[in-house]
C-alpha atoms as a PDB file:
ATOM      1  CA  UNK A   1      30.411-181.598 -74.437  1.00  0.00           C
ATOM      2  CA  UNK A   2      34.083-181.424 -75.371  1.00  0.00           C
ATOM      3  CA  UNK A   3      34.555-178.392 -73.107  1.00  0.00           C
ATOM      4  CA  UNK A   4      32.963-180.252 -70.185  1.00  0.00           C
ATOM      5  CA  UNK A   5      35.241-183.245 -70.719  1.00  0.00           C
ATOM      6  CA  UNK A   6      38.301-181.006 -70.922  1.00  0.00           C
ATOM      7  CA  UNK A   7      37.290-179.225 -67.718  1.00  0.00           C
ATOM      8  CA  UNK A   8      36.816-182.579 -65.965  1.00  0.00           C
ATOM      9  CA  UNK A   9      40.224-183.772 -67.153  1.00  0.00           C
ATOM     10  CA  UNK A  10      41.877-180.589 -65.844  1.00  0.00           C
ATOM     11  CA  UNK A  11      40.269-181.064 -62.418  1.00  0.00           C
ATOM     12  CA  UNK A  12      41.350-184.700 -62.278  1.00  0.00           C
ATOM     13  CA  UNK A  13      44.902-183.762 -63.280  1.00  0.00           C
ATOM     14  CA  UNK A  14      44.989-181.187 -60.479  1.00  0.00           C
ATOM     15  CA  UNK A  15      43.709-183.762 -58.006  1.00  0.00           C
ATOM     16  CA  UNK A  16      46.346-186.298 -59.035  1.00  0.00           C
ATOM     17  CA  UNK A  17      49.051-183.631 -58.730  1.00  0.00           C
ATOM     18  CA  UNK A  18      47.777-182.700 -55.287  1.00  0.00           C
ATOM     19  CA  UNK A  19      47.765-186.334 -54.203  1.00  0.00           C
ATOM     20  CA  UNK A  20      51.371-186.748 -55.363  1.00  0.00           C
ATOM     21  CA  UNK A  21      52.450-183.661 -53.410  1.00  0.00           C
ATOM     22  CA  UNK A  22      50.715-184.900 -50.256  1.00  0.00           C
ATOM     23  CA  UNK A  23      52.158-188.406 -50.658  1.00  0.00           C
ATOM     24  CA  UNK A  24      55.669-186.964 -51.026  1.00  0.00           C
ATOM     25  CA  UNK A  25      55.137-184.766 -47.964  1.00  0.00           C
ATOM     26  CA  UNK A  26      53.849-187.714 -45.915  1.00  0.00           C
ATOM     27  CA  UNK A  27      56.795-189.855 -47.010  1.00  0.00           C
ATOM     28  CA  UNK A  28      59.319-187.103 -46.269  1.00  0.00           C
ATOM     29  CA  UNK A  29      57.998-186.632 -42.727  1.00  0.00           C
ATOM     30  CA  UNK A  30      57.770-190.405 -42.176  1.00  0.00           C
ATOM     31  CA  UNK A  31      54.247-190.361 -40.797  1.00  0.00           C
ATOM     32  CA  UNK A  32      53.109-193.669 -39.269  1.00  0.00           C
ATOM     33  CA  UNK A  33      50.852-195.879 -41.465  1.00  0.00           C
ATOM     34  CA  UNK A  34      47.600-195.171 -39.528  1.00  0.00           C
ATOM     35  CA  UNK A  35      48.125-191.419 -39.971  1.00  0.00           C
ATOM     36  CA  UNK A  36      49.012-191.872 -43.650  1.00  0.00           C
ATOM     37  CA  UNK A  37      45.726-193.709 -44.109  1.00  0.00           C
ATOM     38  CA  UNK A  38      43.749-190.901 -42.447  1.00  0.00           C
ATOM     39  CA  UNK A  39      45.376-188.272 -44.682  1.00  0.00           C
ATOM     40  CA  UNK A  40      44.592-190.303 -47.805  1.00  0.00           C
ATOM     41  CA  UNK A  41      40.986-190.863 -46.707  1.00  0.00           C
ATOM     42  CA  UNK A  42      40.501-187.146 -45.990  1.00  0.00           C
ATOM     43  CA  UNK A  43      41.743-186.142 -49.445  1.00  0.00           C
ATOM     44  CA  UNK A  44      39.604-188.765 -51.174  1.00  0.00           C
ATOM     45  CA  UNK A  45      36.562-187.715 -49.146  1.00  0.00           C
ATOM     46  CA  UNK A  46      37.039-184.062 -50.075  1.00  0.00           C
ATOM     47  CA  UNK A  47      37.403-184.947 -53.761  1.00  0.00           C
ATOM     48  CA  UNK A  48      34.275-187.122 -53.695  1.00  0.00           C
ATOM     49  CA  UNK A  49      32.296-184.287 -52.126  1.00  0.00           C
ATOM     50  CA  UNK A  50      33.526-181.389 -54.284  1.00  0.00           C
ATOM     51  CA  UNK A  51      35.026-182.901 -57.465  1.00  0.00           C
ATOM     52  CA  UNK A  52      37.676-180.209 -57.250  1.00  0.00           C
ATOM     53  CA  UNK A  53      35.343-177.208 -56.976  1.00  0.00           C
ATOM     54  CA  UNK A  54      35.195-175.197 -53.742  1.00  0.00           C
ATOM     55  CA  UNK A  55      31.475-174.451 -53.737  1.00  0.00           C
ATOM     56  CA  UNK A  56      31.568-173.075 -50.196  1.00  0.00           C
ATOM     57  CA  UNK A  57      34.092-170.394 -51.193  1.00  0.00           C
ATOM     58  CA  UNK A  58      31.984-169.561 -54.238  1.00  0.00           C
ATOM     59  CA  UNK A  59      28.866-169.094 -52.094  1.00  0.00           C
ATOM     60  CA  UNK A  60      30.763-167.088 -49.473  1.00  0.00           C
ATOM     61  CA  UNK A  61      31.740-164.589 -52.174  1.00  0.00           C
ATOM     62  CA  UNK A  62      28.067-163.720 -52.777  1.00  0.00           C
ATOM     63  CA  UNK A  63      26.021-161.135 -50.814  1.00  0.00           C
ATOM     64  CA  UNK A  64      24.563-162.501 -47.588  1.00  0.00           C
ATOM     65  CA  UNK A  65      20.917-162.308 -48.709  1.00  0.00           C
ATOM     66  CA  UNK A  66      21.674-164.287 -51.885  1.00  0.00           C
ATOM     67  CA  UNK A  67      23.667-166.846 -49.874  1.00  0.00           C
ATOM     68  CA  UNK A  68      20.664-167.278 -47.594  1.00  0.00           C
ATOM     69  CA  UNK A  69      18.294-167.885 -50.500  1.00  0.00           C
ATOM     70  CA  UNK A  70      20.638-170.338 -52.247  1.00  0.00           C
ATOM     71  CA  UNK A  71      21.553-172.337 -49.155  1.00  0.00           C
ATOM     72  CA  UNK A  72      17.998-172.535 -47.897  1.00  0.00           C
ATOM     73  CA  UNK A  73      16.908-173.750 -51.333  1.00  0.00           C
ATOM     74  CA  UNK A  74      19.699-176.337 -51.451  1.00  0.00           C
ATOM     75  CA  UNK A  75      19.293-177.541 -47.883  1.00  0.00           C
ATOM     76  CA  UNK A  76      15.541-177.143 -47.281  1.00  0.00           C
ATOM     77  CA  UNK A  77      14.746-180.858 -47.628  1.00  0.00           C
ATOM     78  CA  UNK A  78      17.310-181.834 -44.980  1.00  0.00           C
ATOM     79  CA  UNK A  79      16.521-178.839 -42.751  1.00  0.00           C
ATOM     80  CA  UNK A  80      12.874-179.905 -42.823  1.00  0.00           C
ATOM     81  CA  UNK A  81      13.759-183.240 -41.198  1.00  0.00           C
ATOM     82  CA  UNK A  82      15.694-181.724 -38.268  1.00  0.00           C
ATOM     83  CA  UNK A  83      13.679-181.035 -35.082  1.00  0.00           C
ATOM     84  CA  UNK A  84      15.746-178.013 -34.040  1.00  0.00           C
ATOM     85  CA  UNK A  85      14.812-176.119 -37.216  1.00  0.00           C
ATOM     86  CA  UNK A  86      11.146-177.085 -36.879  1.00  0.00           C
ATOM     87  CA  UNK A  87      11.009-174.878 -33.770  1.00  0.00           C
ATOM     88  CA  UNK A  88      12.268-171.767 -35.619  1.00  0.00           C
ATOM     89  CA  UNK A  89      10.348-169.204 -37.641  1.00  0.00           C
ATOM     90  CA  UNK A  90      11.147-168.415 -41.289  1.00  0.00           C
ATOM     91  CA  UNK A  91      13.112-165.263 -40.464  1.00  0.00           C
ATOM     92  CA  UNK A  92      15.528-167.129 -38.200  1.00  0.00           C
ATOM     93  CA  UNK A  93      15.862-170.125 -40.546  1.00  0.00           C
ATOM     94  CA  UNK A  94      16.687-167.797 -43.455  1.00  0.00           C
ATOM     95  CA  UNK A  95      19.278-165.947 -41.381  1.00  0.00           C
ATOM     96  CA  UNK A  96      20.956-169.151 -40.185  1.00  0.00           C
ATOM     97  CA  UNK A  97      20.844-170.688 -43.676  1.00  0.00           C
ATOM     98  CA  UNK A  98      22.982-167.838 -44.972  1.00  0.00           C
ATOM     99  CA  UNK A  99      25.849-168.959 -42.748  1.00  0.00           C
ATOM    100  CA  UNK A 100      25.492-172.745 -42.920  1.00  0.00           C
ATOM    101  CA  UNK A 101      28.361-174.760 -44.365  1.00  0.00           C
ATOM    102  CA  UNK A 102      28.355-178.427 -45.250  1.00  0.00           C
ATOM    103  CA  UNK A 103      30.679-180.617 -43.211  1.00  0.00           C
ATOM    104  CA  UNK A 104      31.839-184.175 -43.892  1.00  0.00           C
ATOM    105  CA  UNK A 105      34.249-186.242 -41.834  1.00  0.00           C
ATOM    106  CA  UNK A 106      35.586-189.785 -41.972  1.00  0.00           C
ATOM    107  CA  UNK A 107      35.178-192.554 -39.431  1.00  0.00           C
ATOM    108  CA  UNK A 108      37.734-192.217 -36.645  1.00  0.00           C
ATOM    109  CA  UNK A 109      38.144-188.448 -36.975  1.00  0.00           C
ATOM    110  CA  UNK A 110      37.942-186.299 -33.844  1.00  0.00           C
ATOM    111  CA  UNK A 111      35.766-183.223 -34.377  1.00  0.00           C
ATOM    112  CA  UNK A 112      36.290-181.915 -30.834  1.00  0.00           C
ATOM    113  CA  UNK A 113      38.806-182.634 -28.084  1.00  0.00           C
ATOM    114  CA  UNK A 114      38.083-181.801 -24.456  1.00  0.00           C
ATOM    115  CA  UNK A 115      39.956-178.664 -23.401  1.00  0.00           C
ATOM    116  CA  UNK A 116      40.711-177.462 -26.933  1.00  0.00           C
ATOM    117  CA  UNK A 117      38.840-174.536 -28.582  1.00  0.00           C
ATOM    118  CA  UNK A 118      35.511-175.299 -30.255  1.00  0.00           C
ATOM    119  CA  UNK A 119      35.441-173.964 -33.815  1.00  0.00           C
ATOM    120  CA  UNK A 120      31.882-174.735 -34.928  1.00  0.00           C
ATOM    121  CA  UNK A 121      28.390-175.886 -34.053  1.00  0.00           C
ATOM    122  CA  UNK A 122      27.398-178.989 -36.021  1.00  0.00           C
ATOM    123  CA  UNK A 123      23.859-180.022 -36.973  1.00  0.00           C
ATOM    124  CA  UNK A 124      24.226-183.726 -37.744  1.00  0.00           C
ATOM    125  CA  UNK A 125      22.115-185.250 -40.514  1.00  0.00           C
ATOM    126  CA  UNK A 126      24.133-188.357 -41.353  1.00  0.00           C
ATOM    127  CA  UNK A 127      26.308-190.822 -39.435  1.00  0.00           C
ATOM    128  CA  UNK A 128      27.102-191.264 -35.752  1.00  0.00           C
ATOM    129  CA  UNK A 129      29.494-189.686 -33.262  1.00  0.00           C
ATOM    130  CA  UNK A 130      30.730-190.840 -29.863  1.00  0.00           C
ATOM    131  CA  UNK A 131      30.809-188.262 -27.066  1.00  0.00           C
ATOM    132  CA  UNK A 132      32.944-188.732 -23.965  1.00  0.00           C
ATOM    133  CA  UNK A 133      34.214-186.462 -21.212  1.00  0.00           C
ATOM    134  CA  UNK A 134      34.174-185.600 -17.531  1.00  0.00           C
ATOM    135  CA  UNK A 135      30.684-184.102 -17.857  1.00  0.00           C
ATOM    136  CA  UNK A 136      29.325-187.506 -18.895  1.00  0.00           C
ATOM    137  CA  UNK A 137      30.524-189.262 -15.755  1.00  0.00           C
ATOM    138  CA  UNK A 138      32.800-191.526 -17.756  1.00  0.00           C
ATOM    139  CA  UNK A 139      29.946-192.730 -19.961  1.00  0.00           C
ATOM    140  CA  UNK A 140      29.955-192.529 -23.759  1.00  0.00           C
ATOM    141  CA  UNK A 141      26.976-191.057 -25.584  1.00  0.00           C
ATOM    142  CA  UNK A 142      26.150-191.710 -29.239  1.00  0.00           C
ATOM    143  CA  UNK A 143      24.852-188.819 -31.338  1.00  0.00           C
ATOM    144  CA  UNK A 144      23.193-189.171 -34.723  1.00  0.00           C
ATOM    145  CA  UNK A 145      20.925-187.405 -37.224  1.00  0.00           C
ATOM    146  CA  UNK A 146      19.058-184.508 -35.633  1.00  0.00           C
ATOM    147  CA  UNK A 147      21.615-184.002 -32.861  1.00  0.00           C
ATOM    148  CA  UNK A 148      23.852-181.004 -32.242  1.00  0.00           C
ATOM    149  CA  UNK A 149      27.584-180.807 -31.439  1.00  0.00           C
ATOM    150  CA  UNK A 150      29.631-177.830 -30.291  1.00  0.00           C
ATOM    151  CA  UNK A 151      26.991-176.505 -27.914  1.00  0.00           C
ATOM    152  CA  UNK A 152      29.722-174.720 -25.939  1.00  0.00           C
ATOM    153  CA  UNK A 153      29.562-171.944 -28.545  1.00  0.00           C
ATOM    154  CA  UNK A 154      25.991-171.220 -27.486  1.00  0.00           C
ATOM    155  CA  UNK A 155      27.518-169.231 -24.616  1.00  0.00           C
ATOM    156  CA  UNK A 156      27.880-166.538 -27.279  1.00  0.00           C
ATOM    157  CA  UNK A 157      24.086-166.200 -27.303  1.00  0.00           C
ATOM    158  CA  UNK A 158      24.381-164.580 -23.885  1.00  0.00           C
ATOM    159  CA  UNK A 159      27.637-162.720 -24.566  1.00  0.00           C
ATOM    160  CA  UNK A 160      27.697-161.987 -28.329  1.00  0.00           C
ATOM    161  CA  UNK A 161      30.100-159.037 -28.060  1.00  0.00           C
ATOM    162  CA  UNK A 162      32.871-160.970 -26.323  1.00  0.00           C
ATOM    163  CA  UNK A 163      36.205-160.500 -28.076  1.00  0.00           C
ATOM    164  CA  UNK A 164      37.413-164.058 -27.459  1.00  0.00           C
ATOM    165  CA  UNK A 165      36.682-166.945 -29.812  1.00  0.00           C
ATOM    166  CA  UNK A 166      38.513-169.437 -27.601  1.00  0.00           C
ATOM    167  CA  UNK A 167      35.758-171.397 -25.897  1.00  0.00           C
ATOM    168  CA  UNK A 168      37.092-174.781 -24.706  1.00  0.00           C
ATOM    169  CA  UNK A 169      35.313-178.032 -25.493  1.00  0.00           C
ATOM    170  CA  UNK A 170      33.855-179.807 -22.467  1.00  0.00           C
ATOM    171  CA  UNK A 171      33.672-183.116 -24.338  1.00  0.00           C
ATOM    172  CA  UNK A 172      35.662-185.189 -26.811  1.00  0.00           C
ATOM    173  CA  UNK A 173      33.683-186.092 -29.928  1.00  0.00           C
ATOM    174  CA  UNK A 174      34.776-188.784 -32.370  1.00  0.00           C
ATOM    175  CA  UNK A 175      33.150-189.964 -35.595  1.00  0.00           C
ATOM    176  CA  UNK A 176      32.275-193.657 -35.269  1.00  0.00           C
ATOM    177  CA  UNK A 177      31.055-193.677 -38.889  1.00  0.00           C
ATOM    178  CA  UNK A 178      31.439-191.250 -41.771  1.00  0.00           C
ATOM    179  CA  UNK A 179      29.523-188.125 -40.739  1.00  0.00           C
ATOM    180  CA  UNK A 180      27.636-185.426 -42.650  1.00  0.00           C
ATOM    181  CA  UNK A 181      26.434-182.239 -41.011  1.00  0.00           C
ATOM    182  CA  UNK A 182      25.734-178.555 -41.395  1.00  0.00           C
ATOM    183  CA  UNK A 183      28.018-176.272 -39.432  1.00  0.00           C
ATOM    184  CA  UNK A 184      27.989-172.737 -38.062  1.00  0.00           C
ATOM    185  CA  UNK A 185      31.483-171.339 -37.535  1.00  0.00           C
ATOM    186  CA  UNK A 186      32.305-169.410 -34.394  1.00  0.00           C
ATOM    187  CA  UNK A 187      32.367-165.974 -36.070  1.00  0.00           C
ATOM    188  CA  UNK A 188      29.005-166.666 -37.704  1.00  0.00           C
ATOM    189  CA  UNK A 189      27.480-167.740 -34.379  1.00  0.00           C
ATOM    190  CA  UNK A 190      28.578-164.379 -32.949  1.00  0.00           C
ATOM    191  CA  UNK A 191      27.069-162.475 -35.886  1.00  0.00           C
ATOM    192  CA  UNK A 192      23.735-164.265 -35.511  1.00  0.00           C
ATOM    193  CA  UNK A 193      23.730-163.757 -31.740  1.00  0.00           C
ATOM    194  CA  UNK A 194      24.293-160.024 -32.240  1.00  0.00           C
ATOM    195  CA  UNK A 195      21.679-159.813 -35.015  1.00  0.00           C
ATOM    196  CA  UNK A 196      18.957-161.351 -32.825  1.00  0.00           C
ATOM    197  CA  UNK A 197      20.191-160.145 -29.440  1.00  0.00           C
ATOM    198  CA  UNK A 198      17.426-157.533 -29.143  1.00  0.00           C
ATOM    199  CA  UNK A 199      14.591-160.087 -29.191  1.00  0.00           C
ATOM    200  CA  UNK A 200      16.468-163.147 -27.899  1.00  0.00           C
ATOM    201  CA  UNK A 201      15.142-165.232 -30.798  1.00  0.00           C
ATOM    202  CA  UNK A 202      18.456-166.934 -31.550  1.00  0.00           C
ATOM    203  CA  UNK A 203      19.072-167.752 -27.892  1.00  0.00           C
ATOM    204  CA  UNK A 204      15.539-169.083 -27.405  1.00  0.00           C
ATOM    205  CA  UNK A 205      15.904-171.437 -30.387  1.00  0.00           C
ATOM    206  CA  UNK A 206      18.830-173.149 -28.648  1.00  0.00           C
ATOM    207  CA  UNK A 207      17.666-172.715 -25.058  1.00  0.00           C
ATOM    208  CA  UNK A 208      17.421-176.424 -24.259  1.00  0.00           C
ATOM    209  CA  UNK A 209      21.035-176.946 -25.361  1.00  0.00           C
ATOM    210  CA  UNK A 210      22.431-174.164 -23.160  1.00  0.00           C
ATOM    211  CA  UNK A 211      23.680-175.391 -19.788  1.00  0.00           C
END
């Protein structure tokens, strides 16, 4: 018990030190108050989610098959509630699970900006996002649990061997509440597209999202 308490104290000391460094940096660069608030919220959100331990990095250091088993075990309850995964077979779900990362973002954060590169596909399971852009005819769309963001990366399903990762966003997406999601990063989307390119299974799973 004493060791656990000492470990917790060390983590909290590191977090306080990190907060001081960030606060000094923000003050030095004279960031405006709204931006200061966003930085503070982001740090607090990360601490609340991880308590100072980078679990994603720990999982990424493991072999892919073990990552798949662990992540599917951890996420299976949430995955089971999402329609897009209900349409996949076990082989594809296991493969995708090995590359899933958890993603959390605060209200007011932009997760995509029209014209800028898309860095991930997001499978939303908590919160709401507002989508706007030329493709929507000036209308705003609200996304929530069960929806998908970053569908531009699904172009890689058709061209998995492309050397470019710079696929521009066709929409601007902003969190209107705190948001929780799973994400697939661009390099992992390419790996999955290549892995299942021979039978088209990965592409078929996302067919209705591909323009």
